[in-house]
PDB file of all heavy atoms in Angstrom:
ATOM      1  N   ALA A   1       0.826  -1.210  -0.004  1.00  0.00           N
ATOM      2  CA  ALA A   1       0.003  -0.002  -0.001  1.00  0.00           C
ATOM      3  C   ALA A   1       0.862   1.251   0.009  1.00  0.00           C
ATOM      4  O   ALA A   1       0.537   2.265  -0.660  1.00  0.00           O
ATOM      5  CB  ALA A   1      -0.932  -0.017   1.202  1.00  0.00           C
ATOM      6  N   ASN A   2       1.985   1.219   0.721  1.00  0.00           N
ATOM      7  CA  ASN A   2       2.876   2.383   0.757  1.00  0.00           C
ATOM      8  C   ASN A   2       3.461   2.653  -0.628  1.00  0.00           C
ATOM      9  O   ASN A   2       3.636   3.808  -1.022  1.00  0.00           O
ATOM     10  CB  ASN A   2       4.009   2.159   1.775  1.00  0.00           C
ATOM     11  CG  ASN A   2       3.540   2.363   3.190  1.00  0.00           C
ATOM     12  OD1 ASN A   2       2.556   3.066   3.449  1.00  0.00           O
ATOM     13  ND2 ASN A   2       4.237   1.760   4.132  1.00  0.00           N
ATOM     14  N   ILE A   3       3.782   1.598  -1.371  1.00  0.00           N
ATOM     15  CA  ILE A   3       4.308   1.779  -2.713  1.00  0.00           C
ATOM     16  C   ILE A   3       3.200   2.259  -3.645  1.00  0.00           C
ATOM     17  O   ILE A   3       3.397   3.198  -4.424  1.00  0.00           O
ATOM     18  CB  ILE A   3       4.909   0.451  -3.246  1.00  0.00           C
ATOM     19  CG1 ILE A   3       6.128   0.052  -2.411  1.00  0.00           C
ATOM     20  CG2 ILE A   3       5.285   0.579  -4.725  1.00  0.00           C
ATOM     21  CD1 ILE A   3       6.667  -1.333  -2.723  1.00  0.00           C
ATOM     22  N   ARG A   4       2.033   1.641  -3.537  1.00  0.00           N
ATOM     23  CA  ARG A   4       0.896   2.041  -4.375  1.00  0.00           C
ATOM     24  C   ARG A   4       0.560   3.519  -4.181  1.00  0.00           C
ATOM     25  O   ARG A   4       0.277   4.249  -5.131  1.00  0.00           O
ATOM     26  CB  ARG A   4      -0.309   1.178  -4.035  1.00  0.00           C
ATOM     27  CG  ARG A   4      -1.597   1.524  -4.798  1.00  0.00           C
ATOM     28  CD  ARG A   4      -2.804   0.935  -4.101  1.00  0.00           C
ATOM     29  NE  ARG A   4      -2.975   1.469  -2.753  1.00  0.00           N
ATOM     30  CZ  ARG A   4      -3.737   0.928  -1.814  1.00  0.00           C
ATOM     31  NH1 ARG A   4      -4.395  -0.192  -2.076  1.00  0.00           N
ATOM     32  NH2 ARG A   4      -3.846   1.497  -0.626  1.00  0.00           N
ATOM     33  N   ASP A   5       0.574   3.967  -2.921  1.00  0.00           N
ATOM     34  CA  ASP A   5       0.164   5.335  -2.594  1.00  0.00           C
ATOM     35  C   ASP A   5       1.307   6.348  -2.686  1.00  0.00           C
ATOM     36  O   ASP A   5       1.167   7.493  -2.261  1.00  0.00           O
ATOM     37  CB  ASP A   5      -0.427   5.360  -1.172  1.00  0.00           C
ATOM     38  CG  ASP A   5      -1.651   4.472  -1.046  1.00  0.00           C
ATOM     39  OD1 ASP A   5      -2.271   4.158  -2.082  1.00  0.00           O
ATOM     40  OD2 ASP A   5      -1.972   4.083   0.089  1.00  0.00           O
ATOM     41  N   ASN A   6       2.443   5.888  -3.216  1.00  0.00           N
ATOM     42  CA  ASN A   6       3.613   6.752  -3.415  1.00  0.00           C
ATOM     43  C   ASN A   6       4.200   7.298  -2.121  1.00  0.00           C
ATOM     44  O   ASN A   6       4.868   8.321  -2.087  1.00  0.00           O
ATOM     45  CB  ASN A   6       3.264   7.928  -4.351  1.00  0.00           C
ATOM     46  CG  ASN A   6       4.487   8.431  -5.127  1.00  0.00           C
ATOM     47  OD1 ASN A   6       5.380   7.654  -5.425  1.00  0.00           O
ATOM     48  ND2 ASN A   6       4.508   9.722  -5.425  1.00  0.00           N
ATOM     49  N   LYS A   7       3.963   6.578  -1.027  1.00  0.00           N
ATOM     50  CA  LYS A   7       4.595   6.941   0.243  1.00  0.00           C
ATOM     51  C   LYS A   7       5.990   6.325   0.341  1.00  0.00           C
ATOM     52  O   LYS A   7       6.858   6.848   1.026  1.00  0.00           O
ATOM     53  CB  LYS A   7       3.726   6.459   1.411  1.00  0.00           C
ATOM     54  CG  LYS A   7       2.346   7.089   1.484  1.00  0.00           C
ATOM     55  CD  LYS A   7       1.513   6.483   2.583  1.00  0.00           C
ATOM     56  CE  LYS A   7       0.113   7.071   2.644  1.00  0.00           C
ATOM     57  NZ  LYS A   7      -0.717   6.413   3.693  1.00  0.00           N
ATOM     58  N   ASP A   8       6.177   5.182  -0.322  1.00  0.00           N
ATOM     59  CA  ASP A   8       7.483   4.532  -0.402  1.00  0.00           C
ATOM     60  C   ASP A   8       7.980   4.679  -1.821  1.00  0.00           C
ATOM     61  O   ASP A   8       7.409   4.116  -2.751  1.00  0.00           O
ATOM     62  CB  ASP A   8       7.347   3.045  -0.012  1.00  0.00           C
ATOM     63  CG  ASP A   8       8.679   2.300  -0.097  1.00  0.00           C
ATOM     64  OD1 ASP A   8       9.675   2.889  -0.558  1.00  0.00           O
ATOM     65  OD2 ASP A   8       8.714   1.141   0.313  1.00  0.00           O
ATOM     66  N   ARG A   9       9.034   5.481  -1.979  1.00  0.00           N
ATOM     67  CA  ARG A   9       9.558   5.739  -3.322  1.00  0.00           C
ATOM     68  C   ARG A   9      10.903   5.072  -3.553  1.00  0.00           C
ATOM     69  O   ARG A   9      11.676   5.498  -4.429  1.00  0.00           O
ATOM     70  CB  ARG A   9       9.670   7.258  -3.531  1.00  0.00           C
ATOM     71  CG  ARG A   9       8.339   7.981  -3.322  1.00  0.00           C
ATOM     72  CD  ARG A   9       8.472   9.474  -3.498  1.00  0.00           C
ATOM     73  NE  ARG A   9       7.225  10.163  -3.208  1.00  0.00           N
ATOM     74  CZ  ARG A   9       7.047  11.481  -3.261  1.00  0.00           C
ATOM     75  NH1 ARG A   9       8.057  12.264  -3.601  1.00  0.00           N
ATOM     76  NH2 ARG A   9       5.874  12.008  -2.974  1.00  0.00           N
ATOM     77  N   THR A  10      11.180   4.041  -2.774  1.00  0.00           N
ATOM     78  CA  THR A  10      12.486   3.366  -2.891  1.00  0.00           C
ATOM     79  C   THR A  10      12.505   2.322  -4.002  1.00  0.00           C
ATOM     80  O   THR A  10      13.581   1.788  -4.284  1.00  0.00           O
ATOM     81  CB  THR A  10      12.844   2.686  -1.561  1.00  0.00           C
ATOM     82  OG1 THR A  10      11.865   1.672  -1.247  1.00  0.00           O
ATOM     83  CG2 THR A  10      12.900   3.713  -0.418  1.00  0.00           C
ATOM     84  N   ARG A  11      11.368   2.054  -4.611  1.00  0.00           N
ATOM     85  CA  ARG A  11      11.302   1.066  -5.692  1.00  0.00           C
ATOM     86  C   ARG A  11      10.603   1.720  -6.899  1.00  0.00           C
ATOM     87  O   ARG A  11       9.442   1.412  -7.204  1.00  0.00           O
ATOM     88  CB  ARG A  11      10.601  -0.199  -5.240  1.00  0.00           C
ATOM     89  CG  ARG A  11      11.369  -0.961  -4.177  1.00  0.00           C
ATOM     90  CD  ARG A  11      10.647  -2.212  -3.712  1.00  0.00           C
ATOM     91  NE  ARG A  11      11.389  -2.909  -2.664  1.00  0.00           N
ATOM     92  CZ  ARG A  11      12.231  -3.921  -2.889  1.00  0.00           C
ATOM     93  NH1 ARG A  11      12.422  -4.399  -4.116  1.00  0.00           N
ATOM     94  NH2 ARG A  11      12.878  -4.495  -1.892  1.00  0.00           N
ATOM     95  N   PRO A  12      11.309   2.626  -7.587  1.00  0.00           N
ATOM     96  CA  PRO A  12      10.675   3.410  -8.647  1.00  0.00           C
ATOM     97  C   PRO A  12      10.201   2.585  -9.840  1.00  0.00           C
ATOM     98  O   PRO A  12       9.317   3.049 -10.561  1.00  0.00           O
ATOM     99  CB  PRO A  12      11.783   4.395  -9.056  1.00  0.00           C
ATOM    100  CG  PRO A  12      13.056   3.762  -8.616  1.00  0.00           C
ATOM    101  CD  PRO A  12      12.717   3.007  -7.376  1.00  0.00           C
ATOM    102  N   ALA A  13      10.745   1.390 -10.030  1.00  0.00           N
ATOM    103  CA  ALA A  13      10.335   0.569 -11.162  1.00  0.00           C
ATOM    104  C   ALA A  13       9.063  -0.210 -10.876  1.00  0.00           C
ATOM    105  O   ALA A  13       8.482  -0.825 -11.778  1.00  0.00           O
ATOM    106  CB  ALA A  13      11.457  -0.397 -11.541  1.00  0.00           C
ATOM    107  N   LEU A  14       8.613  -0.179  -9.633  1.00  0.00           N
ATOM    108  CA  LEU A  14       7.464  -1.009  -9.227  1.00  0.00           C
ATOM    109  C   LEU A  14       6.215  -0.138  -9.122  1.00  0.00           C
ATOM    110  O   LEU A  14       6.186   0.870  -8.412  1.00  0.00           O
ATOM    111  CB  LEU A  14       7.754  -1.662  -7.883  1.00  0.00           C
ATOM    112  CG  LEU A  14       6.855  -2.802  -7.423  1.00  0.00           C
ATOM    113  CD1 LEU A  14       6.857  -3.928  -8.432  1.00  0.00           C
ATOM    114  CD2 LEU A  14       7.349  -3.328  -6.072  1.00  0.00           C
ATOM    115  N   THR A  15       5.183  -0.527  -9.853  1.00  0.00           N
ATOM    116  CA  THR A  15       3.897   0.193  -9.824  1.00  0.00           C
ATOM    117  C   THR A  15       2.822  -0.777  -9.385  1.00  0.00           C
ATOM    118  O   THR A  15       2.590  -1.798 -10.040  1.00  0.00           O
ATOM    119  CB  THR A  15       3.565   0.778 -11.198  1.00  0.00           C
ATOM    120  OG1 THR A  15       4.624   1.617 -11.642  1.00  0.00           O
ATOM    121  CG2 THR A  15       2.269   1.598 -11.123  1.00  0.00           C
ATOM    122  N   ILE A  16       2.180  -0.464  -8.269  1.00  0.00           N
ATOM    123  CA  ILE A  16       1.138  -1.330  -7.718  1.00  0.00           C
ATOM    124  C   ILE A  16      -0.236  -0.805  -8.109  1.00  0.00           C
ATOM    125  O   ILE A  16      -0.521   0.374  -7.913  1.00  0.00           O
ATOM    126  CB  ILE A  16       1.254  -1.410  -6.174  1.00  0.00           C
ATOM    127  CG1 ILE A  16       2.648  -1.860  -5.766  1.00  0.00           C
ATOM    128  CG2 ILE A  16       0.185  -2.359  -5.611  1.00  0.00           C
ATOM    129  CD1 ILE A  16       3.048  -3.236  -6.235  1.00  0.00           C
ATOM    130  N   GLY A  17      -1.053  -1.678  -8.650  1.00  0.00           N
ATOM    131  CA  GLY A  17      -2.423  -1.322  -8.967  1.00  0.00           C
ATOM    132  C   GLY A  17      -3.332  -1.657  -7.795  1.00  0.00           C
ATOM    133  O   GLY A  17      -3.268  -1.041  -6.739  1.00  0.00           O
ATOM    134  N   GLU A  18      -4.145  -2.678  -7.948  1.00  0.00           N
ATOM    135  CA  GLU A  18      -5.028  -3.100  -6.864  1.00  0.00           C
ATOM    136  C   GLU A  18      -4.359  -4.144  -5.999  1.00  0.00           C
ATOM    137  O   GLU A  18      -3.582  -4.984  -6.484  1.00  0.00           O
ATOM    138  CB  GLU A  18      -6.333  -3.667  -7.426  1.00  0.00           C
ATOM    139  CG  GLU A  18      -7.214  -2.658  -8.125  1.00  0.00           C
ATOM    140  CD  GLU A  18      -8.572  -3.245  -8.473  1.00  0.00           C
ATOM    141  OE1 GLU A  18      -9.426  -3.355  -7.550  1.00  0.00           O
ATOM    142  OE2 GLU A  18      -8.797  -3.577  -9.639  1.00  0.00           O
ATOM    143  N   ILE A  19      -4.652  -4.086  -4.714  1.00  0.00           N
ATOM    144  CA  ILE A  19      -4.200  -5.096  -3.765  1.00  0.00           C
ATOM    145  C   ILE A  19      -5.431  -5.870  -3.325  1.00  0.00           C
ATOM    146  O   ILE A  19      -6.388  -5.302  -2.809  1.00  0.00           O
ATOM    147  CB  ILE A  19      -3.517  -4.457  -2.528  1.00  0.00           C
ATOM    148  CG1 ILE A  19      -2.325  -3.589  -2.974  1.00  0.00           C
ATOM    149  CG2 ILE A  19      -3.071  -5.525  -1.541  1.00  0.00           C
ATOM    150  CD1 ILE A  19      -1.762  -2.724  -1.861  1.00  0.00           C
ATOM    151  N   PHE A  20      -5.400  -7.189  -3.547  1.00  0.00           N
ATOM    152  CA  PHE A  20      -6.538  -8.046  -3.202  1.00  0.00           C
ATOM    153  C   PHE A  20      -6.189  -8.849  -1.939  1.00  0.00           C
ATOM    154  O   PHE A  20      -5.529  -9.882  -2.019  1.00  0.00           O
ATOM    155  CB  PHE A  20      -6.856  -9.007  -4.334  1.00  0.00           C
ATOM    156  CG  PHE A  20      -7.150  -8.340  -5.664  1.00  0.00           C
ATOM    157  CD1 PHE A  20      -6.492  -8.755  -6.815  1.00  0.00           C
ATOM    158  CD2 PHE A  20      -8.077  -7.307  -5.759  1.00  0.00           C
ATOM    159  CE1 PHE A  20      -6.746  -8.165  -8.034  1.00  0.00           C
ATOM    160  CE2 PHE A  20      -8.353  -6.707  -6.976  1.00  0.00           C
ATOM    161  CZ  PHE A  20      -7.693  -7.121  -8.118  1.00  0.00           C
ATOM    162  N   PRO A  21      -6.620  -8.394  -0.758  1.00  0.00           N
ATOM    163  CA  PRO A  21      -6.362  -9.162   0.457  1.00  0.00           C
ATOM    164  C   PRO A  21      -7.402 -10.275   0.628  1.00  0.00           C
ATOM    165  O   PRO A  21      -8.620 -10.017   0.531  1.00  0.00           O
ATOM    166  CB  PRO A  21      -6.511  -8.094   1.562  1.00  0.00           C
ATOM    167  CG  PRO A  21      -7.465  -7.098   1.006  1.00  0.00           C
ATOM    168  CD  PRO A  21      -7.300  -7.115  -0.482  1.00  0.00           C
ATOM    169  N   TYR A  22      -6.944 -11.479   0.834  1.00  0.00           N
ATOM    170  CA  TYR A  22      -7.849 -12.614   0.968  1.00  0.00           C
ATOM    171  C   TYR A  22      -7.479 -13.380   2.241  1.00  0.00           C
ATOM    172  O   TYR A  22      -6.319 -13.700   2.468  1.00  0.00           O
ATOM    173  CB  TYR A  22      -7.758 -13.543  -0.237  1.00  0.00           C
ATOM    174  CG  TYR A  22      -8.844 -14.603  -0.280  1.00  0.00           C
ATOM    175  CD1 TYR A  22     -10.049 -14.347  -0.923  1.00  0.00           C
ATOM    176  CD2 TYR A  22      -8.677 -15.843   0.337  1.00  0.00           C
ATOM    177  CE1 TYR A  22     -11.071 -15.325  -0.965  1.00  0.00           C
ATOM    178  CE2 TYR A  22      -9.670 -16.800   0.310  1.00  0.00           C
ATOM    179  CZ  TYR A  22     -10.853 -16.524  -0.331  1.00  0.00           C
ATOM    180  OH  TYR A  22     -11.848 -17.482  -0.359  1.00  0.00           O
ATOM    181  N   ASP A  23      -8.497 -13.639   3.079  1.00  0.00           N
ATOM    182  CA  ASP A  23      -8.241 -14.381   4.317  1.00  0.00           C
ATOM    183  C   ASP A  23      -9.421 -15.305   4.571  1.00  0.00           C
ATOM    184  O   ASP A  23     -10.360 -15.396   3.771  1.00  0.00           O
ATOM    185  CB  ASP A  23      -8.019 -13.421   5.482  1.00  0.00           C
ATOM    186  CG  ASP A  23      -7.023 -13.983   6.492  1.00  0.00           C
ATOM    187  OD1 ASP A  23      -7.437 -14.851   7.279  1.00  0.00           O
ATOM    188  OD2 ASP A  23      -5.862 -13.553   6.496  1.00  0.00           O
ATOM    189  N   ILE A  24      -9.369 -15.969   5.720  1.00  0.00           N
ATOM    190  CA  ILE A  24     -10.350 -17.009   6.018  1.00  0.00           C
ATOM    191  C   ILE A  24     -11.766 -16.479   6.068  1.00  0.00           C
ATOM    192  O   ILE A  24     -12.737 -17.219   5.791  1.00  0.00           O
ATOM    193  CB  ILE A  24      -9.979 -17.727   7.331  1.00  0.00           C
ATOM    194  CG1 ILE A  24     -10.782 -19.006   7.491  1.00  0.00           C
ATOM    195  CG2 ILE A  24     -10.136 -16.788   8.523  1.00  0.00           C
ATOM    196  CD1 ILE A  24     -10.302 -19.907   8.609  1.00  0.00           C
ATOM    197  N   ASP A  25     -11.952 -15.191   6.382  1.00  0.00           N
ATOM    198  CA  ASP A  25     -13.289 -14.633   6.479  1.00  0.00           C
ATOM    199  C   ASP A  25     -13.701 -13.846   5.223  1.00  0.00           C
ATOM    200  O   ASP A  25     -14.758 -13.191   5.212  1.00  0.00           O
ATOM    201  CB  ASP A  25     -13.405 -13.731   7.705  1.00  0.00           C
ATOM    202  CG  ASP A  25     -12.396 -12.591   7.702  1.00  0.00           C
ATOM    203  OD1 ASP A  25     -11.531 -12.559   6.794  1.00  0.00           O
ATOM    204  OD2 ASP A  25     -12.448 -11.748   8.601  1.00  0.00           O
ATOM    205  N   THR A  26     -12.891 -13.917   4.163  1.00  0.00           N
ATOM    206  CA  THR A  26     -13.237 -13.261   2.911  1.00  0.00           C
ATOM    207  C   THR A  26     -14.304 -14.089   2.189  1.00  0.00           C
ATOM    208  O   THR A  26     -14.189 -15.318   2.135  1.00  0.00           O
ATOM    209  CB  THR A  26     -12.004 -13.107   2.024  1.00  0.00           C
ATOM    210  OG1 THR A  26     -10.972 -12.448   2.728  1.00  0.00           O
ATOM    211  CG2 THR A  26     -12.337 -12.328   0.742  1.00  0.00           C
ATOM    212  N   PRO A  27     -15.348 -13.474   1.627  1.00  0.00           N
ATOM    213  CA  PRO A  27     -16.327 -14.253   0.837  1.00  0.00           C
ATOM    214  C   PRO A  27     -15.652 -15.093  -0.215  1.00  0.00           C
ATOM    215  O   PRO A  27     -14.887 -14.561  -1.046  1.00  0.00           O
ATOM    216  CB  PRO A  27     -17.213 -13.162   0.232  1.00  0.00           C
ATOM    217  CG  PRO A  27     -17.105 -12.006   1.172  1.00  0.00           C
ATOM    218  CD  PRO A  27     -15.701 -12.053   1.685  1.00  0.00           C
ATOM    219  N   PRO A  28     -15.861 -16.412  -0.230  1.00  0.00           N
ATOM    220  CA  PRO A  28     -15.148 -17.298  -1.136  1.00  0.00           C
ATOM    221  C   PRO A  28     -15.293 -16.935  -2.600  1.00  0.00           C
ATOM    222  O   PRO A  28     -14.358 -17.163  -3.392  1.00  0.00           O
ATOM    223  CB  PRO A  28     -15.775 -18.676  -0.856  1.00  0.00           C
ATOM    224  CG  PRO A  28     -16.310 -18.566   0.534  1.00  0.00           C
ATOM    225  CD  PRO A  28     -16.770 -17.147   0.679  1.00  0.00           C
ATOM    226  N   GLU A  29     -16.409 -16.334  -2.984  1.00  0.00           N
ATOM    227  CA  GLU A  29     -16.606 -16.011  -4.387  1.00  0.00           C
ATOM    228  C   GLU A  29     -15.626 -14.938  -4.879  1.00  0.00           C
ATOM    229  O   GLU A  29     -15.387 -14.815  -6.088  1.00  0.00           O
ATOM    230  CB  GLU A  29     -18.045 -15.531  -4.626  1.00  0.00           C
ATOM    231  CG  GLU A  29     -18.462 -14.302  -3.829  1.00  0.00           C
ATOM    232  CD  GLU A  29     -19.083 -14.643  -2.489  1.00  0.00           C
ATOM    233  OE1 GLU A  29     -18.895 -15.786  -2.011  1.00  0.00           O
ATOM    234  OE2 GLU A  29     -19.757 -13.752  -1.927  1.00  0.00           O
ATOM    235  N   LEU A  30     -15.042 -14.180  -3.982  1.00  0.00           N
ATOM    236  CA  LEU A  30     -14.084 -13.168  -4.383  1.00  0.00           C
ATOM    237  C   LEU A  30     -12.767 -13.777  -4.871  1.00  0.00           C
ATOM    238  O   LEU A  30     -12.017 -13.149  -5.625  1.00  0.00           O
ATOM    239  CB  LEU A  30     -13.789 -12.207  -3.225  1.00  0.00           C
ATOM    240  CG  LEU A  30     -14.904 -11.209  -2.886  1.00  0.00           C
ATOM    241  CD1 LEU A  30     -14.502 -10.338  -1.701  1.00  0.00           C
ATOM    242  CD2 LEU A  30     -15.236 -10.331  -4.092  1.00  0.00           C
ATOM    243  N   LEU A  31     -12.498 -15.021  -4.450  1.00  0.00           N
ATOM    244  CA  LEU A  31     -11.240 -15.646  -4.872  1.00  0.00           C
ATOM    245  C   LEU A  31     -11.186 -15.767  -6.400  1.00  0.00           C
ATOM    246  O   LEU A  31     -10.142 -15.521  -7.014  1.00  0.00           O
ATOM    247  CB  LEU A  31     -11.094 -17.029  -4.236  1.00  0.00           C
ATOM    248  CG  LEU A  31      -9.776 -17.756  -4.550  1.00  0.00           C
ATOM    249  CD1 LEU A  31      -8.587 -16.973  -4.015  1.00  0.00           C
ATOM    250  CD2 LEU A  31      -9.774 -19.160  -3.961  1.00  0.00           C
ATOM    251  N   SER A  32     -12.316 -16.116  -7.015  1.00  0.00           N
ATOM    252  CA  SER A  32     -12.348 -16.257  -8.458  1.00  0.00           C
ATOM    253  C   SER A  32     -12.071 -14.901  -9.131  1.00  0.00           C
ATOM    254  O   SER A  32     -11.289 -14.830 -10.079  1.00  0.00           O
ATOM    255  CB  SER A  32     -13.718 -16.785  -8.907  1.00  0.00           C
ATOM    256  OG  SER A  32     -13.780 -16.893 -10.311  1.00  0.00           O
ATOM    257  N   GLU A  33     -12.718 -13.856  -8.627  1.00  0.00           N
ATOM    258  CA  GLU A  33     -12.498 -12.523  -9.189  1.00  0.00           C
ATOM    259  C   GLU A  33     -11.050 -12.091  -9.047  1.00  0.00           C
ATOM    260  O   GLU A  33     -10.441 -11.570 -10.012  1.00  0.00           O
ATOM    261  CB  GLU A  33     -13.403 -11.509  -8.469  1.00  0.00           C
ATOM    262  CG  GLU A  33     -13.190 -10.071  -8.923  1.00  0.00           C
ATOM    263  CD  GLU A  33     -13.981  -9.072  -8.069  1.00  0.00           C
ATOM    264  OE1 GLU A  33     -14.967  -9.487  -7.427  1.00  0.00           O
ATOM    265  OE2 GLU A  33     -13.579  -7.892  -8.028  1.00  0.00           O
ATOM    266  N   TYR A  34     -10.470 -12.331  -7.879  1.00  0.00           N
ATOM    267  CA  TYR A  34      -9.084 -11.947  -7.647  1.00  0.00           C
ATOM    268  C   TYR A  34      -8.108 -12.728  -8.522  1.00  0.00           C
ATOM    269  O   TYR A  34      -7.150 -12.172  -9.056  1.00  0.00           O
ATOM    270  CB  TYR A  34      -8.707 -12.115  -6.186  1.00  0.00           C
ATOM    271  CG  TYR A  34      -9.476 -11.204  -5.219  1.00  0.00           C
ATOM    272  CD1 TYR A  34      -9.466 -11.460  -3.855  1.00  0.00           C
ATOM    273  CD2 TYR A  34     -10.179 -10.087  -5.667  1.00  0.00           C
ATOM    274  CE1 TYR A  34     -10.141 -10.631  -2.957  1.00  0.00           C
ATOM    275  CE2 TYR A  34     -10.849  -9.276  -4.797  1.00  0.00           C
ATOM    276  CZ  TYR A  34     -10.823  -9.551  -3.428  1.00  0.00           C
ATOM    277  OH  TYR A  34     -11.497  -8.742  -2.548  1.00  0.00           O
ATOM    278  N   CYS A  35      -8.365 -14.018  -8.673  1.00  0.00           N
ATOM    279  CA  CYS A  35      -7.482 -14.874  -9.480  1.00  0.00           C
ATOM    280  C   CYS A  35      -7.547 -14.469 -10.958  1.00  0.00           C
ATOM    281  O   CYS A  35      -6.566 -14.642 -11.690  1.00  0.00           O
ATOM    282  CB  CYS A  35      -7.850 -16.333  -9.313  1.00  0.00           C
ATOM    283  SG  CYS A  35      -7.298 -17.066  -7.762  1.00  0.00           S
ATOM    284  N   ALA A  36      -8.682 -13.969 -11.387  1.00  0.00           N
ATOM    285  CA  ALA A  36      -8.816 -13.545 -12.784  1.00  0.00           C
ATOM    286  C   ALA A  36      -7.994 -12.286 -13.052  1.00  0.00           C
ATOM    287  O   ALA A  36      -7.461 -12.093 -14.148  1.00  0.00           O
ATOM    288  CB  ALA A  36     -10.276 -13.312 -13.118  1.00  0.00           C
ATOM    289  N   LYS A  37      -7.890 -11.400 -12.055  1.00  0.00           N
ATOM    290  CA  LYS A  37      -7.265 -10.095 -12.240  1.00  0.00           C
ATOM    291  C   LYS A  37      -5.807 -10.027 -11.797  1.00  0.00           C
ATOM    292  O   LYS A  37      -5.086  -9.094 -12.163  1.00  0.00           O
ATOM    293  CB  LYS A  37      -8.043  -9.021 -11.475  1.00  0.00           C
ATOM    294  CG  LYS A  37      -9.465  -8.836 -11.943  1.00  0.00           C
ATOM    295  CD  LYS A  37     -10.158  -7.773 -11.081  1.00  0.00           C
ATOM    296  CE  LYS A  37     -11.577  -7.507 -11.543  1.00  0.00           C
ATOM    297  NZ  LYS A  37     -12.225  -6.487 -10.663  1.00  0.00           N
ATOM    298  N   ALA A  38      -5.341 -10.988 -11.005  1.00  0.00           N
ATOM    299  CA  ALA A  38      -4.021 -10.891 -10.381  1.00  0.00           C
ATOM    300  C   ALA A  38      -2.885 -10.980 -11.386  1.00  0.00           C
ATOM    301  O   ALA A  38      -2.925 -11.784 -12.333  1.00  0.00           O
ATOM    302  CB  ALA A  38      -3.863 -11.965  -9.314  1.00  0.00           C
ATOM    303  N   ASP A  39      -1.858 -10.171 -11.163  1.00  0.00           N
ATOM    304  CA  ASP A  39      -0.611 -10.248 -11.944  1.00  0.00           C
ATOM    305  C   ASP A  39       0.490 -10.938 -11.131  1.00  0.00           C
ATOM    306  O   ASP A  39       1.557 -11.256 -11.682  1.00  0.00           O
ATOM    307  CB  ASP A  39      -0.162  -8.853 -12.314  1.00  0.00           C
ATOM    308  CG  ASP A  39      -1.154  -8.134 -13.230  1.00  0.00           C
ATOM    309  OD1 ASP A  39      -1.485  -8.675 -14.282  1.00  0.00           O
ATOM    310  OD2 ASP A  39      -1.624  -7.054 -12.816  1.00  0.00           O
ATOM    311  N   PHE A  40       0.249 -11.111  -9.863  1.00  0.00           N
ATOM    312  CA  PHE A  40       1.201 -11.803  -8.960  1.00  0.00           C
ATOM    313  C   PHE A  40       0.419 -12.256  -7.757  1.00  0.00           C
ATOM    314  O   PHE A  40      -0.439 -11.546  -7.250  1.00  0.00           O
ATOM    315  CB  PHE A  40       2.335 -10.862  -8.541  1.00  0.00           C
ATOM    316  CG  PHE A  40       3.557 -11.571  -8.019  1.00  0.00           C
ATOM    317  CD1 PHE A  40       4.709 -11.633  -8.782  1.00  0.00           C
ATOM    318  CD2 PHE A  40       3.578 -12.176  -6.754  1.00  0.00           C
ATOM    319  CE1 PHE A  40       5.865 -12.269  -8.315  1.00  0.00           C
ATOM    320  CE2 PHE A  40       4.699 -12.807  -6.288  1.00  0.00           C
ATOM    321  CZ  PHE A  40       5.854 -12.866  -7.058  1.00  0.00           C
ATOM    322  N   VAL A  41       0.740 -13.484  -7.272  1.00  0.00           N
ATOM    323  CA  VAL A  41       0.034 -14.033  -6.113  1.00  0.00           C
ATOM    324  C   VAL A  41       1.053 -14.372  -5.015  1.00  0.00           C
ATOM    325  O   VAL A  41       2.024 -15.102  -5.264  1.00  0.00           O
ATOM    326  CB  VAL A  41      -0.755 -15.313  -6.468  1.00  0.00           C
ATOM    327  CG1 VAL A  41      -1.421 -15.894  -5.232  1.00  0.00           C
ATOM    328  CG2 VAL A  41      -1.798 -14.995  -7.538  1.00  0.00           C
TER     329      VAL A  41
END
């Protein structure tokens, strides 16, 4: 989030779009949506 929000500028080559946090209490149907959009897991 710090990189995405430009608070951490120590990795200028890295651009973060969306961050998909998934945990045990996340609605299971979101996993499919996140897996479709993810560029790194």
